[in-house]
N, C-alpha and C. Protein backbone atom coordinates (compact mmCIF):
# COMPACT_ATOMS: atom_id res chain seq x y z
N UNK A 1 61.86 204.93 148.69
CA UNK A 1 61.20 204.31 149.84
C UNK A 1 61.75 204.91 151.14
N UNK A 2 63.10 204.95 151.28
CA UNK A 2 63.70 205.48 152.49
C UNK A 2 63.34 206.95 152.68
N UNK A 3 63.42 207.72 151.61
CA UNK A 3 63.10 209.15 151.69
C UNK A 3 61.63 209.33 152.06
N UNK A 4 60.73 208.49 151.52
CA UNK A 4 59.31 208.58 151.85
C UNK A 4 59.08 208.27 153.32
N UNK A 5 59.75 207.25 153.85
CA UNK A 5 59.61 206.90 155.26
C UNK A 5 60.08 208.06 156.14
N UNK A 6 61.23 208.63 155.81
CA UNK A 6 61.76 209.74 156.60
C UNK A 6 60.82 210.93 156.54
N UNK A 7 60.34 211.27 155.35
CA UNK A 7 59.41 212.39 155.21
C UNK A 7 58.12 212.14 155.97
N UNK A 8 57.61 210.91 155.91
CA UNK A 8 56.38 210.58 156.64
C UNK A 8 56.56 210.76 158.13
N UNK A 9 57.72 210.32 158.65
CA UNK A 9 57.99 210.49 160.08
C UNK A 9 58.10 211.95 160.46
N UNK A 10 58.76 212.74 159.61
CA UNK A 10 58.88 214.17 159.89
C UNK A 10 57.52 214.84 159.91
N UNK A 11 56.68 214.54 158.93
CA UNK A 11 55.34 215.14 158.87
C UNK A 11 54.52 214.72 160.07
N UNK A 12 54.58 213.42 160.42
CA UNK A 12 53.81 212.93 161.56
C UNK A 12 54.29 213.58 162.86
N UNK A 13 55.60 213.69 163.01
CA UNK A 13 56.15 214.27 164.23
C UNK A 13 55.79 215.74 164.37
N UNK A 14 55.60 216.41 163.26
CA UNK A 14 55.26 217.84 163.29
C UNK A 14 53.76 218.06 163.34
N UNK A 15 52.99 217.01 163.45
CA UNK A 15 51.55 217.16 163.58
C UNK A 15 50.79 216.86 162.31
N UNK A 16 51.48 216.72 161.19
CA UNK A 16 50.84 216.32 159.96
C UNK A 16 50.15 217.43 159.20
N UNK A 17 49.85 218.53 159.84
CA UNK A 17 49.17 219.64 159.20
C UNK A 17 49.72 220.92 159.79
N UNK A 18 49.12 222.03 159.41
CA UNK A 18 49.54 223.31 160.01
C UNK A 18 49.40 223.21 161.52
N UNK A 19 50.38 223.71 162.22
CA UNK A 19 50.36 223.60 163.68
C UNK A 19 49.27 224.47 164.28
N UNK A 20 48.56 223.92 165.22
CA UNK A 20 47.54 224.63 165.96
C UNK A 20 48.04 224.77 167.40
N UNK A 21 47.46 225.68 168.16
CA UNK A 21 47.94 225.85 169.53
C UNK A 21 47.86 224.55 170.32
N UNK A 22 48.89 224.28 171.09
CA UNK A 22 48.91 223.10 171.95
C UNK A 22 48.24 223.42 173.27
N UNK A 23 47.78 222.38 173.92
CA UNK A 23 47.15 222.51 175.23
C UNK A 23 47.73 221.45 176.14
N UNK A 24 47.55 221.66 177.43
CA UNK A 24 47.90 220.59 178.35
C UNK A 24 46.74 219.61 178.37
N UNK A 25 46.97 218.43 178.89
CA UNK A 25 45.95 217.39 178.89
C UNK A 25 44.73 217.83 179.69
N UNK A 26 44.92 218.55 180.78
CA UNK A 26 43.79 219.02 181.59
C UNK A 26 42.85 219.92 180.79
N UNK A 27 43.36 220.60 179.76
CA UNK A 27 42.55 221.52 178.96
C UNK A 27 41.87 220.87 177.77
N UNK A 28 42.12 219.60 177.54
CA UNK A 28 41.57 218.91 176.38
C UNK A 28 40.07 218.69 176.56
N UNK A 29 39.31 219.03 175.53
CA UNK A 29 37.86 218.82 175.55
C UNK A 29 37.59 217.39 175.09
N UNK A 30 37.62 216.47 176.05
CA UNK A 30 37.42 215.05 175.76
C UNK A 30 36.88 214.39 177.03
N UNK A 31 36.26 213.22 176.88
CA UNK A 31 35.77 212.50 178.07
C UNK A 31 36.92 212.21 179.04
N UNK A 32 36.59 212.13 180.31
CA UNK A 32 37.59 211.89 181.35
C UNK A 32 38.45 210.66 181.08
N UNK A 33 37.90 209.52 180.63
CA UNK A 33 38.77 208.36 180.35
C UNK A 33 39.82 208.66 179.27
N UNK A 34 39.48 209.48 178.29
CA UNK A 34 40.45 209.86 177.25
C UNK A 34 41.56 210.68 177.87
N UNK A 35 41.22 211.66 178.70
CA UNK A 35 42.23 212.49 179.35
C UNK A 35 43.10 211.67 180.30
N UNK A 36 42.49 210.75 181.04
CA UNK A 36 43.26 209.92 181.98
C UNK A 36 44.30 209.07 181.25
N UNK A 37 43.91 208.48 180.12
CA UNK A 37 44.85 207.64 179.37
C UNK A 37 45.95 208.48 178.76
N UNK A 38 45.61 209.66 178.25
CA UNK A 38 46.65 210.55 177.71
C UNK A 38 47.64 210.94 178.80
N UNK A 39 47.14 211.23 180.00
CA UNK A 39 48.02 211.58 181.11
C UNK A 39 48.89 210.40 181.52
N UNK A 40 48.34 209.19 181.52
CA UNK A 40 49.11 208.00 181.87
C UNK A 40 50.25 207.79 180.89
N UNK A 41 49.99 207.98 179.61
CA UNK A 41 50.99 207.72 178.58
C UNK A 41 52.00 208.86 178.45
N UNK A 42 51.52 210.11 178.44
CA UNK A 42 52.39 211.24 178.13
C UNK A 42 52.79 212.09 179.34
N UNK A 43 52.10 211.93 180.46
CA UNK A 43 52.38 212.79 181.63
C UNK A 43 51.45 214.00 181.63
N UNK A 44 51.21 214.53 182.80
CA UNK A 44 50.21 215.59 182.98
C UNK A 44 50.55 216.89 182.27
N UNK A 45 51.83 217.16 182.07
CA UNK A 45 52.21 218.46 181.51
C UNK A 45 52.52 218.41 180.02
N UNK A 46 52.24 217.30 179.37
CA UNK A 46 52.53 217.18 177.94
C UNK A 46 51.74 218.23 177.16
N UNK A 47 52.36 218.76 176.14
CA UNK A 47 51.71 219.71 175.24
C UNK A 47 51.20 218.92 174.03
N UNK A 48 49.90 218.95 173.81
CA UNK A 48 49.30 218.16 172.74
C UNK A 48 48.21 218.95 172.03
N UNK A 49 47.82 218.44 170.87
CA UNK A 49 46.63 218.90 170.17
C UNK A 49 45.72 217.69 170.02
N UNK A 50 44.45 217.86 170.28
CA UNK A 50 43.51 216.75 170.18
C UNK A 50 42.35 217.18 169.28
N UNK A 51 42.04 216.32 168.32
CA UNK A 51 40.91 216.57 167.43
C UNK A 51 39.94 215.42 167.57
N UNK A 52 38.66 215.73 167.59
CA UNK A 52 37.66 214.67 167.62
C UNK A 52 37.17 214.45 166.19
N UNK A 53 37.12 213.19 165.80
CA UNK A 53 36.68 212.79 164.47
C UNK A 53 35.68 211.65 164.64
N UNK A 54 35.20 211.14 163.55
CA UNK A 54 34.34 209.96 163.60
C UNK A 54 35.09 208.78 163.01
N UNK A 55 34.95 207.60 163.67
CA UNK A 55 35.57 206.41 163.12
C UNK A 55 34.68 205.86 162.00
N UNK A 56 35.03 204.70 161.47
CA UNK A 56 34.28 204.12 160.34
C UNK A 56 32.84 203.78 160.69
N UNK A 57 32.55 203.62 161.99
CA UNK A 57 31.19 203.30 162.44
C UNK A 57 30.42 204.54 162.88
N UNK A 58 30.99 205.72 162.66
CA UNK A 58 30.31 206.96 163.03
C UNK A 58 30.44 207.32 164.51
N UNK A 59 31.31 206.59 165.23
CA UNK A 59 31.51 206.85 166.66
C UNK A 59 32.63 207.90 166.83
N UNK A 60 32.54 208.74 167.88
CA UNK A 60 33.60 209.72 168.09
C UNK A 60 34.93 209.04 168.40
N UNK A 61 35.99 209.64 167.89
CA UNK A 61 37.33 209.12 168.06
C UNK A 61 38.27 210.32 168.24
N UNK A 62 39.13 210.27 169.26
CA UNK A 62 40.01 211.39 169.55
C UNK A 62 41.40 211.12 168.96
N UNK A 63 41.87 212.05 168.15
CA UNK A 63 43.19 211.93 167.52
C UNK A 63 44.12 212.93 168.20
N UNK A 64 45.20 212.41 168.76
CA UNK A 64 46.13 213.25 169.52
C UNK A 64 47.41 213.46 168.74
N UNK A 65 47.83 214.71 168.67
CA UNK A 65 49.10 215.09 168.04
C UNK A 65 50.01 215.62 169.14
N UNK A 66 51.19 215.06 169.23
CA UNK A 66 52.13 215.51 170.24
C UNK A 66 53.12 216.49 169.63
N UNK A 67 53.65 217.35 170.47
CA UNK A 67 54.71 218.25 170.03
C UNK A 67 56.02 217.55 170.37
N UNK A 68 56.65 217.01 169.36
CA UNK A 68 57.80 216.15 169.55
C UNK A 68 59.10 216.87 169.20
N UNK A 69 60.05 216.84 170.11
CA UNK A 69 61.39 217.32 169.80
C UNK A 69 62.12 216.17 169.12
N UNK A 70 62.78 216.47 168.01
CA UNK A 70 63.48 215.40 167.31
C UNK A 70 64.90 215.83 166.99
N UNK A 71 65.72 214.83 166.75
CA UNK A 71 67.12 215.06 166.40
C UNK A 71 67.35 214.48 165.02
N UNK A 72 67.94 215.28 164.13
CA UNK A 72 68.33 214.81 162.80
C UNK A 72 69.85 214.81 162.74
N UNK A 73 70.41 213.75 162.18
CA UNK A 73 71.85 213.72 161.94
C UNK A 73 72.05 213.70 160.44
N UNK A 74 72.84 214.66 159.93
CA UNK A 74 73.06 214.80 158.50
C UNK A 74 74.54 214.74 158.17
N UNK A 75 74.83 214.29 156.98
CA UNK A 75 76.19 214.29 156.45
C UNK A 75 76.43 215.64 155.77
N UNK A 76 77.68 215.91 155.41
CA UNK A 76 78.04 217.17 154.77
C UNK A 76 77.30 217.39 153.45
N UNK A 77 76.90 216.30 152.77
CA UNK A 77 76.17 216.45 151.51
C UNK A 77 74.68 216.68 151.72
N UNK A 78 74.25 216.81 152.98
CA UNK A 78 72.86 217.07 153.30
C UNK A 78 72.04 215.83 153.59
N UNK A 79 72.57 214.65 153.30
CA UNK A 79 71.85 213.40 153.51
C UNK A 79 71.51 213.20 154.99
N UNK A 80 70.25 212.97 155.26
CA UNK A 80 69.83 212.64 156.62
C UNK A 80 70.06 211.14 156.81
N UNK A 81 70.89 210.77 157.77
CA UNK A 81 71.16 209.35 157.98
C UNK A 81 70.57 208.82 159.27
N UNK A 82 70.08 209.72 160.13
CA UNK A 82 69.49 209.24 161.38
C UNK A 82 68.50 210.28 161.90
N UNK A 83 67.35 209.80 162.34
CA UNK A 83 66.32 210.63 162.96
C UNK A 83 65.96 209.96 164.27
N UNK A 84 65.89 210.73 165.34
CA UNK A 84 65.48 210.21 166.64
C UNK A 84 64.45 211.13 167.26
N UNK A 85 63.44 210.54 167.90
CA UNK A 85 62.56 211.35 168.73
C UNK A 85 62.06 210.52 169.89
N UNK A 86 61.97 211.17 171.04
CA UNK A 86 61.59 210.50 172.28
C UNK A 86 60.10 210.22 172.30
N UNK A 87 59.76 209.10 172.89
CA UNK A 87 58.36 208.72 173.11
C UNK A 87 58.27 208.08 174.50
N UNK A 88 57.10 208.10 175.11
CA UNK A 88 56.97 207.41 176.40
C UNK A 88 57.25 205.91 176.23
N UNK A 89 57.91 205.33 177.20
CA UNK A 89 58.22 203.89 177.15
C UNK A 89 56.96 203.08 176.93
N UNK A 90 55.85 203.53 177.48
CA UNK A 90 54.58 202.80 177.35
C UNK A 90 54.15 202.65 175.89
N UNK A 91 54.65 203.51 175.00
CA UNK A 91 54.27 203.42 173.59
C UNK A 91 55.18 202.51 172.78
N UNK A 92 56.28 202.05 173.36
CA UNK A 92 57.14 201.10 172.67
C UNK A 92 56.39 199.78 172.54
N UNK A 93 56.58 199.06 171.44
CA UNK A 93 55.89 197.77 171.28
C UNK A 93 56.19 196.83 172.44
N UNK A 94 55.22 196.00 172.77
CA UNK A 94 55.37 195.06 173.88
C UNK A 94 56.61 194.18 173.71
N UNK A 95 56.88 193.74 172.47
CA UNK A 95 58.06 192.90 172.22
C UNK A 95 59.34 193.66 172.55
N UNK A 96 59.38 194.94 172.27
CA UNK A 96 60.56 195.76 172.56
C UNK A 96 60.71 195.93 174.07
N UNK A 97 59.61 196.25 174.76
CA UNK A 97 59.69 196.41 176.22
C UNK A 97 60.11 195.12 176.90
N UNK A 98 59.56 194.00 176.44
CA UNK A 98 59.92 192.70 177.02
C UNK A 98 61.39 192.36 176.79
N UNK A 99 61.88 192.61 175.58
CA UNK A 99 63.28 192.33 175.27
C UNK A 99 64.20 193.24 176.09
N UNK A 100 63.79 194.49 176.27
CA UNK A 100 64.60 195.43 177.05
C UNK A 100 64.65 194.99 178.51
N UNK A 101 63.52 194.56 179.06
CA UNK A 101 63.49 194.08 180.45
C UNK A 101 64.42 192.88 180.61
N UNK A 102 64.42 191.98 179.62
CA UNK A 102 65.30 190.81 179.67
C UNK A 102 66.77 191.23 179.53
N UNK A 103 67.06 192.17 178.66
CA UNK A 103 68.42 192.65 178.44
C UNK A 103 68.97 193.37 179.67
N UNK A 104 68.10 194.14 180.32
CA UNK A 104 68.51 194.96 181.46
C UNK A 104 67.94 194.39 182.76
N UNK A 105 68.20 193.14 183.02
CA UNK A 105 67.65 192.45 184.19
C UNK A 105 67.79 193.29 185.46
N UNK A 106 66.67 193.50 186.15
CA UNK A 106 66.66 194.23 187.41
C UNK A 106 66.68 195.74 187.26
N UNK A 107 66.64 196.24 186.02
CA UNK A 107 66.67 197.68 185.78
C UNK A 107 65.25 198.21 185.56
N UNK A 108 65.12 199.52 185.66
CA UNK A 108 63.85 200.20 185.39
C UNK A 108 63.95 200.89 184.04
N UNK A 109 63.01 200.60 183.16
CA UNK A 109 63.00 201.27 181.86
C UNK A 109 62.67 202.73 182.09
N UNK A 110 63.51 203.62 181.56
CA UNK A 110 63.36 205.04 181.86
C UNK A 110 63.07 205.92 180.65
N UNK A 111 63.25 205.41 179.45
CA UNK A 111 63.00 206.24 178.27
C UNK A 111 63.06 205.41 177.01
N UNK A 112 62.48 205.97 175.96
CA UNK A 112 62.49 205.29 174.66
C UNK A 112 62.56 206.34 173.57
N UNK A 113 63.19 205.97 172.48
CA UNK A 113 63.24 206.82 171.31
C UNK A 113 62.96 205.98 170.08
N UNK A 114 62.21 206.55 169.16
CA UNK A 114 62.05 205.95 167.84
C UNK A 114 63.25 206.44 167.05
N UNK A 115 63.92 205.52 166.37
CA UNK A 115 65.12 205.86 165.60
C UNK A 115 64.95 205.32 164.19
N UNK A 116 65.15 206.19 163.22
CA UNK A 116 65.20 205.75 161.82
C UNK A 116 66.65 205.92 161.41
N UNK A 117 67.29 204.80 161.12
CA UNK A 117 68.71 204.82 160.76
C UNK A 117 68.89 203.99 159.50
N UNK A 118 69.36 204.65 158.45
CA UNK A 118 69.55 203.94 157.19
C UNK A 118 68.26 203.34 156.65
N UNK A 119 67.14 203.99 156.90
CA UNK A 119 65.85 203.49 156.42
C UNK A 119 65.23 202.41 157.29
N UNK A 120 65.91 202.02 158.38
CA UNK A 120 65.39 200.99 159.27
C UNK A 120 64.80 201.63 160.52
N UNK A 121 63.61 201.19 160.92
CA UNK A 121 62.96 201.68 162.13
C UNK A 121 63.45 200.87 163.32
N UNK A 122 64.02 201.55 164.31
CA UNK A 122 64.52 200.90 165.52
C UNK A 122 63.95 201.61 166.73
N UNK A 123 64.05 200.95 167.87
CA UNK A 123 63.68 201.53 169.16
C UNK A 123 64.91 201.55 170.03
N UNK A 124 65.27 202.71 170.54
CA UNK A 124 66.35 202.83 171.52
C UNK A 124 65.67 202.89 172.88
N UNK A 125 66.03 201.99 173.76
CA UNK A 125 65.43 201.94 175.08
C UNK A 125 66.52 202.23 176.11
N UNK A 126 66.19 203.10 177.04
CA UNK A 126 67.10 203.47 178.12
C UNK A 126 66.56 202.90 179.42
N UNK A 127 67.49 202.54 180.30
CA UNK A 127 67.11 201.98 181.59
C UNK A 127 68.12 202.42 182.63
N UNK A 128 67.71 202.32 183.89
CA UNK A 128 68.62 202.62 184.99
C UNK A 128 68.60 201.45 185.97
N UNK A 129 69.78 201.16 186.48
CA UNK A 129 69.93 200.14 187.53
C UNK A 129 70.83 200.77 188.57
N UNK A 130 70.22 201.30 189.62
CA UNK A 130 70.98 202.07 190.61
C UNK A 130 71.50 203.33 189.94
N UNK A 131 72.80 203.54 189.98
CA UNK A 131 73.44 204.70 189.34
C UNK A 131 73.80 204.42 187.88
N UNK A 132 73.71 203.14 187.47
CA UNK A 132 74.11 202.74 186.13
C UNK A 132 73.04 203.10 185.09
N UNK A 133 73.46 203.74 184.00
CA UNK A 133 72.56 204.06 182.90
C UNK A 133 72.85 203.12 181.75
N UNK A 134 71.80 202.51 181.22
CA UNK A 134 71.93 201.50 180.17
C UNK A 134 71.11 201.92 178.96
N UNK A 135 71.54 201.47 177.78
CA UNK A 135 70.73 201.71 176.57
C UNK A 135 71.06 200.64 175.54
N UNK A 136 70.07 200.34 174.71
CA UNK A 136 70.25 199.37 173.63
C UNK A 136 69.23 199.66 172.54
N UNK A 137 69.53 199.19 171.35
CA UNK A 137 68.63 199.33 170.21
C UNK A 137 67.95 198.00 169.92
N UNK A 138 66.66 198.08 169.57
CA UNK A 138 65.88 196.89 169.27
C UNK A 138 65.08 197.10 167.99
N UNK A 139 64.86 196.02 167.26
CA UNK A 139 63.93 196.07 166.13
C UNK A 139 62.52 195.95 166.71
N UNK A 140 61.52 196.24 165.90
CA UNK A 140 60.12 196.23 166.36
C UNK A 140 59.73 194.88 166.95
N UNK A 141 60.33 193.79 166.46
CA UNK A 141 60.00 192.46 166.98
C UNK A 141 60.73 192.12 168.27
N UNK A 142 61.56 193.04 168.78
CA UNK A 142 62.29 192.82 170.03
C UNK A 142 63.70 192.30 169.84
N UNK A 143 64.13 192.09 168.61
CA UNK A 143 65.49 191.61 168.35
C UNK A 143 66.49 192.70 168.74
N UNK A 144 67.48 192.34 169.52
CA UNK A 144 68.54 193.25 169.92
C UNK A 144 69.43 193.56 168.72
N UNK A 145 69.74 194.83 168.52
CA UNK A 145 70.62 195.24 167.43
C UNK A 145 72.01 195.44 168.02
N UNK A 146 72.98 194.72 167.52
CA UNK A 146 74.36 194.81 168.04
C UNK A 146 75.04 196.06 167.54
C-alpha cells in the first residue's frame, strides 16, 4: 500500500505519461477563463502541459500537468521515507489553510508542500510574520502534527 502510494505520487508528479514539451500559461490553447484560473493558482510563468479531453457528459475538460520539483529522502538501504513537493497554497485543502491561519495568527501563508512520510499524506505550510518564518505540518483534515 505504502509503496503504491509513493509510486502513484511519483508518476503523477512526473506528468503520468511520457513528458511532452511544457508551455507557459499564456501559450495554452484553452478558453480565457481556464488560462486565468491556471495563472491565479500557479502564477503566470509556470511551466505546464494542458490536454483537452471530454468529461463523462461529452463536454470539453482541460487536464493540466505541472512540472514539479520534488525532494526524496532515502535511507542507506534505498528505502524512500519521505517525499516532498511544492504546490501553490491555494491548492492546499481548505481545512489545512484554515488550521494554518489559526496556528500562525497574523501571518501570511507563503508556501505549501505535499509531504508523504511513512505512508502518511501531510501538508507542510509555511508562513511569514514580519521577518519571522514559520512552518508546521497538518493532516488533510487540518489536524496539526506535532
